[in-house]
Structure formats: structure tokens, C-alpha cells
C-alpha atoms as a PDB file:
ATOM      1  CA  MET A   1     -12.035 -21.222 -24.736  1.00  0.00           C
ATOM      2  CA  THR A   2     -13.236 -17.970 -23.167  1.00  0.00           C
ATOM      3  CA  THR A   3     -15.751 -17.343 -20.417  1.00  0.00           C
ATOM      4  CA  ASP A   4     -18.220 -14.486 -20.628  1.00  0.00           C
ATOM      5  CA  LEU A   5     -17.835 -12.397 -17.483  1.00  0.00           C
ATOM      6  CA  LYS A   6     -20.335  -9.697 -18.362  1.00  0.00           C
ATOM      7  CA  SER A   7     -23.075 -12.274 -18.797  1.00  0.00           C
ATOM      8  CA  VAL A   8     -23.138 -12.418 -14.995  1.00  0.00           C
ATOM      9  CA  SER A   9     -23.013  -8.667 -14.405  1.00  0.00           C
ATOM     10  CA  SER A  10     -21.863  -5.664 -16.376  1.00  0.00           C
ATOM     11  CA  THR A  11     -20.518  -4.181 -13.136  1.00  0.00           C
ATOM     12  CA  LEU A  12     -18.964  -5.720 -10.075  1.00  0.00           C
ATOM     13  CA  GLU A  13     -19.508  -4.373  -6.581  1.00  0.00           C
ATOM     14  CA  VAL A  14     -16.948  -5.127  -3.894  1.00  0.00           C
ATOM     15  CA  PRO A  15     -17.541  -4.647  -0.161  1.00  0.00           C
ATOM     16  CA  VAL A  16     -15.812  -1.839   1.710  1.00  0.00           C
ATOM     17  CA  LEU A  17     -14.468  -2.710   5.171  1.00  0.00           C
ATOM     18  CA  SER A  18     -14.209  -0.168   7.951  1.00  0.00           C
ATOM     19  CA  SER A  19     -11.349   0.011  10.431  1.00  0.00           C
ATOM     20  CA  ASN A  20     -13.210  -2.266  12.871  1.00  0.00           C
ATOM     21  CA  GLY A  21     -13.594  -4.986  10.252  1.00  0.00           C
ATOM     22  CA  LYS A  22     -17.281  -4.407   9.542  1.00  0.00           C
ATOM     23  CA  VAL A  23     -18.750  -3.973   6.076  1.00  0.00           C
ATOM     24  CA  ALA A  24     -19.402  -0.254   5.694  1.00  0.00           C
ATOM     25  CA  GLY A  25     -20.752  -0.335   2.147  1.00  0.00           C
ATOM     26  CA  SER A  26     -19.637  -1.215  -1.346  1.00  0.00           C
ATOM     27  CA  ILE A  27     -18.023   0.366  -4.387  1.00  0.00           C
ATOM     28  CA  VAL A  28     -18.216  -0.427  -8.077  1.00  0.00           C
ATOM     29  CA  LEU A  29     -15.084  -2.026  -9.448  1.00  0.00           C
ATOM     30  CA  PRO A  30     -13.489   0.030 -12.251  1.00  0.00           C
ATOM     31  CA  GLU A  31     -14.503  -1.166 -15.705  1.00  0.00           C
ATOM     32  CA  GLU A  32     -10.910  -2.112 -16.572  1.00  0.00           C
ATOM     33  CA  PHE A  33     -11.245  -5.071 -14.210  1.00  0.00           C
ATOM     34  CA  VAL A  34     -14.412  -6.344 -15.945  1.00  0.00           C
ATOM     35  CA  PRO A  35     -13.343  -7.586 -19.398  1.00  0.00           C
ATOM     36  CA  ASN A  36     -15.760  -8.834 -22.032  1.00  0.00           C
ATOM     37  CA  SER A  37     -14.225 -12.299 -21.835  1.00  0.00           C
ATOM     38  CA  ILE A  38     -11.583 -13.998 -19.753  1.00  0.00           C
ATOM     39  CA  PRO A  39      -8.317 -14.466 -21.705  1.00  0.00           C
ATOM     40  CA  GLU A  40      -7.453 -17.827 -20.207  1.00  0.00           C
ATOM     41  CA  GLN A  41      -4.399 -18.470 -22.387  1.00  0.00           C
ATOM     42  CA  ILE A  42      -2.998 -14.997 -21.761  1.00  0.00           C
ATOM     43  CA  ILE A  43      -3.461 -15.443 -18.009  1.00  0.00           C
ATOM     44  CA  LYS A  44      -1.690 -18.791 -18.189  1.00  0.00           C
ATOM     45  CA  ASN A  45       1.186 -17.316 -20.179  1.00  0.00           C
ATOM     46  CA  SER A  46       1.506 -14.473 -17.687  1.00  0.00           C
ATOM     47  CA  ILE A  47       1.698 -16.808 -14.691  1.00  0.00           C
ATOM     48  CA  LEU A  48       4.109 -19.245 -16.335  1.00  0.00           C
ATOM     49  CA  GLY A  49       6.231 -16.339 -17.551  1.00  0.00           C
ATOM     50  CA  HIS A  50       6.446 -14.919 -14.036  1.00  0.00           C
ATOM     51  CA  LEU A  51       7.562 -18.285 -12.657  1.00  0.00           C
ATOM     52  CA  ALA A  52      10.076 -18.745 -15.478  1.00  0.00           C
ATOM     53  CA  ASN A  53      11.550 -15.276 -14.983  1.00  0.00           C
ATOM     54  CA  ASN A  54      12.155 -16.059 -11.310  1.00  0.00           C
ATOM     55  CA  ARG A  55      14.225 -19.149 -12.116  1.00  0.00           C
ATOM     56  CA  ALA A  56      17.919 -18.635 -11.440  1.00  0.00           C
ATOM     57  CA  GLY A  57      19.145 -20.958 -14.201  1.00  0.00           C
ATOM     58  CA  THR A  58      22.523 -21.316 -12.485  1.00  0.00           C
ATOM     59  CA  VAL A  59      22.715 -25.129 -12.245  1.00  0.00           C
ATOM     60  CA  SER A  60      25.894 -26.397 -13.882  1.00  0.00           C
ATOM     61  CA  THR A  61      27.784 -29.673 -14.343  1.00  0.00           C
ATOM     62  CA  LEU A  62      31.206 -30.486 -15.808  1.00  0.00           C
ATOM     63  CA  THR A  63      31.777 -32.305 -19.076  1.00  0.00           C
ATOM     64  CA  ARG A  64      34.755 -34.617 -19.559  1.00  0.00           C
ATOM     65  CA  SER A  65      36.778 -31.757 -20.967  1.00  0.00           C
ATOM     66  CA  GLU A  66      36.169 -29.650 -17.848  1.00  0.00           C
ATOM     67  CA  VAL A  67      36.903 -32.236 -15.142  1.00  0.00           C
ATOM     68  CA  ARG A  68      40.379 -31.918 -13.681  1.00  0.00           C
ATOM     69  CA  GLY A  69      42.822 -34.718 -14.602  1.00  0.00           C
ATOM     70  CA  GLY A  70      42.493 -37.611 -16.998  1.00  0.00           C
ATOM     71  CA  GLY A  71      44.963 -36.330 -19.561  1.00  0.00           C
ATOM     72  CA  ARG A  72      47.020 -39.522 -19.607  1.00  0.00           C
ATOM     73  CA  LYS A  73      45.767 -42.769 -21.081  1.00  0.00           C
ATOM     74  CA  PRO A  74      45.233 -45.079 -18.056  1.00  0.00           C
ATOM     75  CA  TRP A  75      46.844 -48.108 -19.733  1.00  0.00           C
ATOM     76  CA  ARG A  76      48.113 -49.092 -23.118  1.00  0.00           C
ATOM     77  CA  GLN A  77      45.700 -49.887 -25.903  1.00  0.00           C
ATOM     78  CA  LYS A  78      46.415 -53.598 -26.352  1.00  0.00           C
ATOM     79  CA  GLY A  79      47.787 -56.549 -24.485  1.00  0.00           C
ATOM     80  CA  THR A  80      46.357 -55.978 -20.983  1.00  0.00           C
ATOM     81  CA  GLY A  81      43.181 -58.034 -21.385  1.00  0.00           C
ATOM     82  CA  ARG A  82      41.119 -55.062 -20.312  1.00  0.00           C
ATOM     83  CA  ALA A  83      38.852 -52.860 -22.351  1.00  0.00           C
ATOM     84  CA  ARG A  84      40.539 -49.946 -24.055  1.00  0.00           C
ATOM     85  CA  GLN A  85      40.290 -46.643 -22.222  1.00  0.00           C
ATOM     86  CA  GLY A  86      41.335 -43.169 -23.230  1.00  0.00           C
ATOM     87  CA  SER A  87      40.756 -41.147 -20.045  1.00  0.00           C
ATOM     88  CA  ILE A  88      39.731 -41.706 -16.431  1.00  0.00           C
ATOM     89  CA  ARG A  89      37.462 -38.680 -16.768  1.00  0.00           C
ATOM     90  CA  ALA A  90      35.226 -40.315 -19.377  1.00  0.00           C
ATOM     91  CA  PRO A  91      31.523 -40.257 -18.366  1.00  0.00           C
ATOM     92  CA  HIS A  92      31.400 -43.955 -17.455  1.00  0.00           C
ATOM     93  CA  TRP A  93      34.220 -43.568 -14.926  1.00  0.00           C
ATOM     94  CA  ARG A  94      33.647 -42.636 -11.313  1.00  0.00           C
ATOM     95  CA  GLY A  95      34.488 -38.943 -11.014  1.00  0.00           C
ATOM     96  CA  GLY A  96      34.195 -38.480 -14.754  1.00  0.00           C
ATOM     97  CA  GLY A  97      32.329 -35.808 -16.642  1.00  0.00           C
ATOM     98  CA  ARG A  98      28.618 -35.823 -17.277  1.00  0.00           C
ATOM     99  CA  VAL A  99      27.042 -36.325 -20.686  1.00  0.00           C
ATOM    100  CA  PHE A 100      24.542 -33.641 -21.752  1.00  0.00           C
ATOM    101  CA  GLY A 101      24.455 -32.178 -18.241  1.00  0.00           C
ATOM    102  CA  PRO A 102      22.746 -28.875 -17.434  1.00  0.00           C
ATOM    103  CA  SER A 103      24.629 -25.642 -17.896  1.00  0.00           C
ATOM    104  CA  PRO A 104      23.771 -22.049 -16.918  1.00  0.00           C
ATOM    105  CA  ARG A 105      20.969 -20.627 -19.025  1.00  0.00           C
ATOM    106  CA  SER A 106      18.230 -18.039 -18.945  1.00  0.00           C
ATOM    107  CA  PHE A 107      14.579 -19.053 -18.712  1.00  0.00           C
ATOM    108  CA  ARG A 108      13.234 -15.538 -19.214  1.00  0.00           C
ATOM    109  CA  THR A 109      10.224 -15.067 -21.450  1.00  0.00           C
ATOM    110  CA  ARG A 110       8.755 -11.888 -22.881  1.00  0.00           C
ATOM    111  CA  GLN A 111       5.135 -10.746 -22.794  1.00  0.00           C
ATOM    112  CA  SER A 112       3.732  -7.582 -24.275  1.00  0.00           C
ATOM    113  CA  ASN A 113       2.495  -4.866 -21.934  1.00  0.00           C
ATOM    114  CA  ARG A 114      -0.984  -5.218 -23.394  1.00  0.00           C
ATOM    115  CA  GLU A 115      -1.176  -8.935 -22.570  1.00  0.00           C
ATOM    116  CA  ARG A 116       0.341  -8.417 -19.131  1.00  0.00           C
ATOM    117  CA  LYS A 117      -2.236  -5.756 -18.256  1.00  0.00           C
ATOM    118  CA  LEU A 118      -5.067  -7.825 -19.692  1.00  0.00           C
ATOM    119  CA  ALA A 119      -4.062 -10.824 -17.566  1.00  0.00           C
ATOM    120  CA  PHE A 120      -3.759  -8.683 -14.445  1.00  0.00           C
ATOM    121  CA  TYR A 121      -7.106  -6.934 -14.915  1.00  0.00           C
ATOM    122  CA  ALA A 122      -8.885 -10.228 -15.584  1.00  0.00           C
ATOM    123  CA  SER A 123      -7.333 -11.898 -12.525  1.00  0.00           C
ATOM    124  CA  VAL A 124      -8.530  -9.099 -10.244  1.00  0.00           C
ATOM    125  CA  GLY A 125     -11.972  -9.228 -11.855  1.00  0.00           C
ATOM    126  CA  LEU A 126     -12.212 -12.965 -11.259  1.00  0.00           C
ATOM    127  CA  LYS A 127     -11.382 -12.501  -7.575  1.00  0.00           C
ATOM    128  CA  ALA A 128     -14.057  -9.823  -7.305  1.00  0.00           C
ATOM    129  CA  ALA A 129     -16.632 -12.001  -9.074  1.00  0.00           C
ATOM    130  CA  ALA A 130     -15.856 -14.818  -6.630  1.00  0.00           C
ATOM    131  CA  GLY A 131     -16.362 -12.513  -3.651  1.00  0.00           C
ATOM    132  CA  LYS A 132     -12.688 -12.726  -2.647  1.00  0.00           C
ATOM    133  CA  LEU A 133     -11.827  -9.044  -3.135  1.00  0.00           C
ATOM    134  CA  HIS A 134     -12.413  -6.542  -0.332  1.00  0.00           C
ATOM    135  CA  VAL A 135     -11.655  -2.832  -0.149  1.00  0.00           C
ATOM    136  CA  ALA A 136     -10.451  -1.466   3.197  1.00  0.00           C
ATOM    137  CA  ASP A 137     -10.306   2.104   4.432  1.00  0.00           C
ATOM    138  CA  SER A 138      -6.788   1.477   5.693  1.00  0.00           C
ATOM    139  CA  LEU A 139      -4.430  -1.403   6.420  1.00  0.00           C
ATOM    140  CA  ASP A 140      -3.138   0.236   9.613  1.00  0.00           C
ATOM    141  CA  LEU A 141      -4.324  -1.054  12.985  1.00  0.00           C
ATOM    142  CA  ARG A 142      -4.067   0.368  16.481  1.00  0.00           C
ATOM    143  CA  ASP A 143      -0.713  -1.389  16.951  1.00  0.00           C
ATOM    144  CA  ALA A 144       1.788  -3.458  14.968  1.00  0.00           C
ATOM    145  CA  LYS A 145       1.322  -6.678  16.945  1.00  0.00           C
ATOM    146  CA  THR A 146       0.926  -9.895  15.014  1.00  0.00           C
ATOM    147  CA  LYS A 147      -1.830 -11.024  17.392  1.00  0.00           C
ATOM    148  CA  THR A 148      -3.855  -7.929  16.567  1.00  0.00           C
ATOM    149  CA  ARG A 149      -3.448  -8.589  12.838  1.00  0.00           C
ATOM    150  CA  VAL A 150      -4.455 -12.248  13.235  1.00  0.00           C
ATOM    151  CA  ASN A 151      -7.594 -11.268  15.132  1.00  0.00           C
ATOM    152  CA  TRP A 152      -8.372  -8.651  12.485  1.00  0.00           C
ATOM    153  CA  LEU A 153      -8.134 -11.205   9.677  1.00  0.00           C
ATOM    154  CA  ARG A 154     -10.207 -13.698  11.648  1.00  0.00           C
ATOM    155  CA  ASP A 155     -12.936 -11.132  12.297  1.00  0.00           C
ATOM    156  CA  LEU A 156     -13.034 -10.426   8.555  1.00  0.00           C
ATOM    157  CA  GLY A 157     -13.563 -14.118   7.874  1.00  0.00           C
ATOM    158  CA  MET A 158     -10.413 -14.470   5.773  1.00  0.00           C
ATOM    159  CA  VAL A 159      -9.868 -18.207   5.315  1.00  0.00           C
ATOM    160  CA  GLY A 160      -6.745 -19.271   3.414  1.00  0.00           C
ATOM    161  CA  ARG A 161      -3.938 -17.190   1.983  1.00  0.00           C
ATOM    162  CA  THR A 162      -4.599 -13.454   2.136  1.00  0.00           C
ATOM    163  CA  LEU A 163      -2.798 -10.659   0.300  1.00  0.00           C
ATOM    164  CA  LEU A 164      -2.922  -7.089   1.611  1.00  0.00           C
ATOM    165  CA  ILE A 165      -2.260  -4.465  -1.068  1.00  0.00           C
ATOM    166  CA  GLY A 166      -1.456  -0.865  -0.306  1.00  0.00           C
ATOM    167  CA  VAL A 167       0.079   2.079  -2.126  1.00  0.00           C
ATOM    168  CA  ALA A 168       3.071   2.142   0.224  1.00  0.00           C
ATOM    169  CA  PRO A 169       2.449  -0.208   3.172  1.00  0.00           C
ATOM    170  CA  SER A 170       3.951   1.189   6.353  1.00  0.00           C
ATOM    171  CA  SER A 171       6.616  -0.615   8.340  1.00  0.00           C
ATOM    172  CA  GLU A 172       4.017  -1.287  11.041  1.00  0.00           C
ATOM    173  CA  VAL A 173       1.795  -3.117   8.563  1.00  0.00           C
ATOM    174  CA  GLN A 174       4.714  -5.190   7.274  1.00  0.00           C
ATOM    175  CA  ARG A 175       5.911  -5.990  10.782  1.00  0.00           C
ATOM    176  CA  SER A 176       2.471  -7.090  11.931  1.00  0.00           C
ATOM    177  CA  ILE A 177       2.066  -9.512   9.043  1.00  0.00           C
ATOM    178  CA  ARG A 178       5.510 -10.942   8.365  1.00  0.00           C
ATOM    179  CA  ASN A 179       5.130 -13.779  10.912  1.00  0.00           C
ATOM    180  CA  ILE A 180       1.709 -14.884   9.655  1.00  0.00           C
ATOM    181  CA  PRO A 181       2.236 -17.904   7.350  1.00  0.00           C
ATOM    182  CA  ASP A 182      -0.936 -17.424   5.302  1.00  0.00           C
ATOM    183  CA  ALA A 183      -0.742 -13.665   4.793  1.00  0.00           C
ATOM    184  CA  CYS A 184       1.566 -11.220   3.066  1.00  0.00           C
ATOM    185  CA  VAL A 185       1.635  -7.620   1.916  1.00  0.00           C
ATOM    186  CA  ALA A 186       2.432  -6.082  -1.478  1.00  0.00           C
ATOM    187  CA  ARG A 187       2.669  -2.698  -3.162  1.00  0.00           C
ATOM    188  CA  ALA A 188      -0.039  -1.725  -5.618  1.00  0.00           C
ATOM    189  CA  ASP A 189       2.459  -0.746  -8.312  1.00  0.00           C
ATOM    190  CA  THR A 190       4.297  -4.102  -8.266  1.00  0.00           C
ATOM    191  CA  VAL A 191       1.523  -6.674  -7.788  1.00  0.00           C
ATOM    192  CA  ASN A 192       0.906  -8.976 -10.765  1.00  0.00           C
ATOM    193  CA  ALA A 193      -1.442 -11.701 -11.988  1.00  0.00           C
ATOM    194  CA  TYR A 194       0.561 -14.449 -10.274  1.00  0.00           C
ATOM    195  CA  ASP A 195       0.317 -12.664  -6.914  1.00  0.00           C
ATOM    196  CA  VAL A 196      -3.445 -12.390  -7.334  1.00  0.00           C
ATOM    197  CA  PHE A 197      -4.037 -15.995  -8.373  1.00  0.00           C
ATOM    198  CA  SER A 198      -1.746 -17.468  -5.720  1.00  0.00           C
ATOM    199  CA  MET A 199      -3.903 -15.965  -2.964  1.00  0.00           C
ATOM    200  CA  ASP A 200      -7.377 -16.896  -1.762  1.00  0.00           C
ATOM    201  CA  ASN A 201      -8.349 -13.403  -0.596  1.00  0.00           C
ATOM    202  CA  LEU A 202      -7.383  -9.843  -1.500  1.00  0.00           C
ATOM    203  CA  ILE A 203      -7.700  -6.818   0.770  1.00  0.00           C
ATOM    204  CA  VAL A 204      -7.001  -3.595  -1.131  1.00  0.00           C
ATOM    205  CA  THR A 205      -7.181   0.014  -0.071  1.00  0.00           C
ATOM    206  CA  ALA A 206      -9.178   2.390  -2.263  1.00  0.00           C
ATOM    207  CA  GLU A 207      -6.016   4.303  -3.155  1.00  0.00           C
ATOM    208  CA  ALA A 208      -4.228   1.083  -4.072  1.00  0.00           C
ATOM    209  CA  LEU A 209      -7.122   0.024  -6.300  1.00  0.00           C
ATOM    210  CA  GLU A 210      -6.792   3.265  -8.236  1.00  0.00           C
ATOM    211  CA  VAL A 211      -3.032   2.715  -8.633  1.00  0.00           C
ATOM    212  CA  MET A 212      -3.678  -0.834  -9.849  1.00  0.00           C
ATOM    213  CA  ARG A 213      -6.138   0.532 -12.396  1.00  0.00           C
ATOM    214  CA  ARG A 214      -3.592   3.011 -13.765  1.00  0.00           C
ATOM    215  CA  VAL A 215      -0.491   0.843 -13.635  1.00  0.00           C
ATOM    216  CA  GLY A 216      -1.957  -2.531 -14.534  1.00  0.00           C
END
């Protein structure tokens, strides 16, 4: 099922925030971020693929052939009154191997560049349509204090998780935001559909928006 995005508006305007946190105007979102329809399945595949690619896949258990010891038969086959046993490292023994246990593997999936870009553009467009995308003149503040950044986000009315996107966020911007639980910063050339959907609000600089349009 697809949802018609252009039935609401053929263009999307996003507010532009000045350095003092006030709305100074608006700009039209580039047409790449306003698709004819929302590719829901492609967006889902992109998000699940990102999560799968971040899995380490290093969990490992030992089978009975890998557990140390157990080479000698614990007792003779007949005449003891006990059940026959071949090794103390059999799976039903304490300290034995595990049957069908996990072993190291790769969970990586592949997605074409076209689908990845389509999912990213649509995710940004959905945030803009929901009024959760804002364009800022700059992410830099008068100082790098966390308190100043918290007050800045509060004055902007950012409720929930907020992602700040810049072309190359300065160390001051990263330092001011790293101790805020509900906020983080990202580079425009590395942000993806999962980053966009996992956040409630996006604050993007105009330069970063242009990089996102080119890179996808």
C-alpha cells in the first residue's frame, strides 16, 4: 500500500530558525524529498537492513565435538545397571556440548543505492510533512555549555528525541549535546533513513540540507 504525498501539497515548506530560536521565515523543501508516493516497503527494508548490518553476529557455543574432554567412555556398555553412555560431553550431560547452538554468522543485507536513496528522501519528506523538520541558520551557540543547548532546544519547542544535522558539526556543538539524553548530532553525508525515523524532530542547516539532497 502506498500513500499519496503530493495529494496534500506538491511542495513542502519548512520553517527557518534564526540564531535566537525564532522563526525567521521558510524555505521550500527540494523536490527530491517530495516523492509521488511513499514506498513503505522500501522504507521498512532500509530500516531493517540498517539494524541487521549493525548486528555483530559473534555469539558462539560449543558442540560436543568442541568441548574439552569426554574422549573416554564413562563406563562399560553392559552390566552396570545404568544407561549406556558414550561421552560425558554429550548434550544431556552437565558441561556437555549444545545441540544446534548459535555460531558466528553475518546478518548483513544488501539494498540498491536507488532504494536506499528513495527511502531516505521519503523519510525526510514525511518529517517535513508532519512539521518535525526545521532549518537553522547555524547549530553553533554563544558557548558550548550543555545548559545553553538545553535552553535552546526548549525555546524551540523540541519535545522528544531531536537530531541535529550539520555538514561538519564543530567540536563545540558535539560537546554541548553529548550529555543530553534525548538529543544527538550527525553529519549530513552519513545520516540515513533509520536516523531520521528514530527521531521525533530534525534540525538541519541549509548547507546540510543541500548535502543530503546530493548524497541521499
